[in-house]
Amino acid sequence: METNERLEKVSLTQNEIISIDDRLTLLSRVSKDNYFEPMRGLGSNAEMPSEPELILKLGSALLVCVDENIKEAEINFTEKELWLLREMTNSGIIFGKEQVGLNLKIKIHRALRNISNDFINEEFIEATDFQDKTKNIITKSNILHADNNTS
């Protein structure tokens, strides 16, 4: 992890942690040239290769839930990890009655929004200004068009 990389704390249920962990496979070093490949083949179970740090975070959080008999644990994720989780999360996943997939999508997007807040605010303001200007042009155009038809 880079020293200036921002972390975002996300509270995950035990089922959410298991859902993510089950879909990750460890990237292992194959050669001295830093060539990596997944430990198990990507497919229906392992959907995304991951660095050991993310798997350790998830495993530690799961152990906290089990050892302390609690339902949720907080994990600090990097932006890169959050984007990876977003890519692999299926919003249709349900464990028992818990909508694990949808809950994860919401938590991940909230965390990404928090990390990218400055960018989102700037882009939203620019988009809003553009929409307002466009509405004014369309309104003026309609008024001119209406005036020309009544003459």
Protein backbone atom coordinates (compact mmCIF):
# COMPACT_ATOMS: atom_id res chain seq x y z
CA MET A 1 0.00 0.00 0.00
CA GLU A 2 1.25 3.48 -0.85
CA THR A 3 1.81 5.72 2.15
CA ASN A 4 -0.44 8.51 0.85
CA GLU A 5 -3.25 6.17 -0.14
CA ARG A 6 -6.52 7.02 1.56
CA LEU A 7 -8.34 4.28 3.45
CA GLU A 8 -12.08 4.04 3.88
CA LYS A 9 -13.58 2.11 6.78
CA VAL A 10 -16.44 -0.22 5.85
CA SER A 11 -18.46 -2.28 8.30
CA LEU A 12 -19.20 -5.75 6.89
CA THR A 13 -21.37 -8.54 8.24
CA GLN A 14 -19.92 -12.01 8.64
CA ASN A 15 -21.94 -13.17 5.62
CA GLU A 16 -20.65 -10.27 3.50
CA ILE A 17 -17.06 -11.11 4.45
CA ILE A 18 -17.58 -14.78 3.58
CA SER A 19 -19.24 -13.86 0.28
CA ILE A 20 -16.26 -11.74 -0.77
CA ASP A 21 -13.64 -14.18 0.54
CA ASP A 22 -15.23 -17.10 -1.32
CA ARG A 23 -14.96 -15.23 -4.62
CA LEU A 24 -11.29 -14.27 -4.31
CA THR A 25 -8.27 -16.32 -5.26
CA LEU A 26 -4.74 -15.54 -4.17
CA LEU A 27 -2.27 -14.25 -6.72
CA SER A 28 0.97 -16.19 -6.38
CA ARG A 29 4.39 -15.31 -7.73
CA VAL A 30 5.33 -17.66 -10.54
CA SER A 31 8.74 -16.26 -11.47
CA LYS A 32 11.46 -13.89 -10.32
CA ASP A 33 10.18 -11.40 -12.92
CA ASN A 34 7.12 -10.72 -10.73
CA TYR A 35 4.81 -12.73 -12.95
CA PHE A 36 1.73 -13.65 -10.93
CA GLU A 37 -1.11 -16.06 -11.57
CA PRO A 38 -4.19 -17.08 -9.57
CA MET A 39 -3.81 -20.00 -7.15
CA ARG A 40 -7.07 -21.55 -8.35
CA GLY A 41 -8.64 -21.17 -11.74
CA LEU A 42 -11.07 -18.34 -12.26
CA GLY A 43 -14.59 -19.63 -12.69
CA SER A 44 -17.83 -20.05 -10.82
CA ASN A 45 -16.15 -19.98 -7.37
CA ALA A 46 -13.04 -17.85 -7.73
CA GLU A 47 -14.08 -14.79 -9.69
CA MET A 48 -11.27 -12.35 -9.00
CA PRO A 49 -7.54 -12.68 -8.30
CA SER A 50 -6.34 -10.72 -5.29
CA GLU A 51 -3.19 -9.70 -3.51
CA PRO A 52 -2.58 -11.38 -0.12
CA GLU A 53 -3.21 -8.14 1.83
CA LEU A 54 -6.91 -8.03 0.92
CA ILE A 55 -7.40 -11.71 1.73
CA LEU A 56 -5.64 -11.18 5.09
CA LYS A 57 -7.90 -8.21 5.88
CA LEU A 58 -11.01 -10.26 5.14
CA GLY A 59 -9.73 -13.30 7.04
CA SER A 60 -8.84 -11.19 10.08
CA ALA A 61 -12.28 -9.55 10.05
CA LEU A 62 -13.97 -12.95 9.81
CA LEU A 63 -11.93 -14.21 12.78
CA VAL A 64 -12.91 -11.12 14.79
CA CYS A 65 -16.58 -11.89 14.11
CA VAL A 66 -16.18 -15.54 15.11
CA ASP A 67 -13.84 -15.05 18.09
CA GLU A 68 -15.79 -12.15 19.58
CA ASN A 69 -19.19 -13.56 18.60
CA ILE A 70 -20.20 -10.38 16.77
CA LYS A 71 -22.12 -9.97 13.53
CA GLU A 72 -20.02 -7.18 11.93
CA ALA A 73 -16.42 -6.06 11.68
CA GLU A 74 -14.88 -2.88 10.30
CA ILE A 75 -12.26 -3.11 7.57
CA ASN A 76 -10.11 -0.32 6.13
CA PHE A 77 -10.05 -0.64 2.33
CA THR A 78 -7.96 1.21 -0.22
CA GLU A 79 -9.66 2.73 -3.24
CA LYS A 80 -8.11 0.03 -5.44
CA GLU A 81 -9.54 -2.70 -3.20
CA LEU A 82 -12.98 -1.07 -3.27
CA TRP A 83 -12.98 -0.97 -7.08
CA LEU A 84 -11.99 -4.66 -7.12
CA LEU A 85 -14.82 -5.50 -4.71
CA ARG A 86 -17.28 -3.51 -6.83
CA GLU A 87 -16.30 -5.49 -9.90
CA MET A 88 -16.79 -8.86 -8.25
CA THR A 89 -19.93 -8.18 -6.21
CA ASN A 90 -23.16 -9.60 -7.57
CA SER A 91 -26.15 -7.66 -6.23
CA GLY A 92 -28.34 -10.78 -6.45
CA ILE A 93 -26.42 -12.81 -3.82
CA ILE A 94 -28.56 -13.74 -0.80
CA PHE A 95 -27.37 -15.66 2.30
CA GLY A 96 -30.38 -16.88 4.25
CA LYS A 97 -32.54 -13.78 4.38
CA GLU A 98 -29.64 -11.32 4.15
CA GLN A 99 -29.32 -9.49 0.82
CA VAL A 100 -25.56 -9.74 0.92
CA GLY A 101 -24.90 -8.67 -2.67
CA LEU A 102 -27.10 -5.57 -2.65
CA ASN A 103 -25.87 -4.54 0.80
CA LEU A 104 -22.27 -4.89 -0.37
CA LYS A 105 -22.89 -2.83 -3.52
CA ILE A 106 -24.39 -0.03 -1.42
CA LYS A 107 -21.55 -0.08 1.14
CA ILE A 108 -18.87 -0.20 -1.56
CA HIS A 109 -20.39 2.67 -3.54
CA ARG A 110 -20.74 4.78 -0.38
CA ALA A 111 -17.07 4.17 0.43
CA LEU A 112 -16.00 5.00 -3.13
CA ARG A 113 -18.10 8.17 -3.03
CA ASN A 114 -16.44 9.18 0.24
CA ILE A 115 -12.97 8.64 -1.22
CA SER A 116 -13.83 10.43 -4.46
CA ASN A 117 -15.94 13.16 -2.87
CA ASP A 118 -13.95 16.11 -4.25
CA PHE A 119 -14.00 14.74 -7.79
CA ILE A 120 -17.72 13.93 -7.63
CA ASN A 121 -18.62 17.38 -6.28
CA GLU A 122 -16.63 19.14 -9.02
CA GLU A 123 -18.08 16.97 -11.78
CA PHE A 124 -21.62 17.28 -10.42
CA ILE A 125 -21.35 21.07 -10.20
CA GLU A 126 -20.06 21.24 -13.78
CA ALA A 127 -22.82 18.92 -14.98
CA THR A 128 -25.46 20.95 -13.14
CA ASP A 129 -24.15 24.19 -14.66
CA PHE A 130 -24.22 22.58 -18.11
CA GLN A 131 -27.78 21.35 -17.58
CA ASP A 132 -28.91 24.80 -16.42
CA LYS A 133 -27.29 26.49 -19.42
CA THR A 134 -28.84 23.93 -21.75
CA LYS A 135 -32.29 24.47 -20.24
CA ASN A 136 -31.92 28.24 -20.67
CA ILE A 137 -30.91 27.84 -24.32
CA ILE A 138 -33.83 25.49 -24.98
CA THR A 139 -36.27 27.80 -23.19
CA LYS A 140 -35.02 30.85 -25.12
CA SER A 141 -35.20 28.88 -28.36
CA ASN A 142 -38.80 27.85 -27.64
CA ILE A 143 -39.77 31.44 -26.84
CA LEU A 144 -38.18 32.69 -30.06
CA HIS A 145 -39.87 29.91 -32.01
CA ALA A 146 -43.23 30.76 -30.45
CA ASP A 147 -42.78 34.48 -31.18
CA ASN A 148 -41.96 33.74 -34.84
CA ASN A 149 -45.07 31.59 -35.22
CA THR A 150 -47.39 34.26 -33.82
CA SER A 151 -46.07 36.98 -36.16
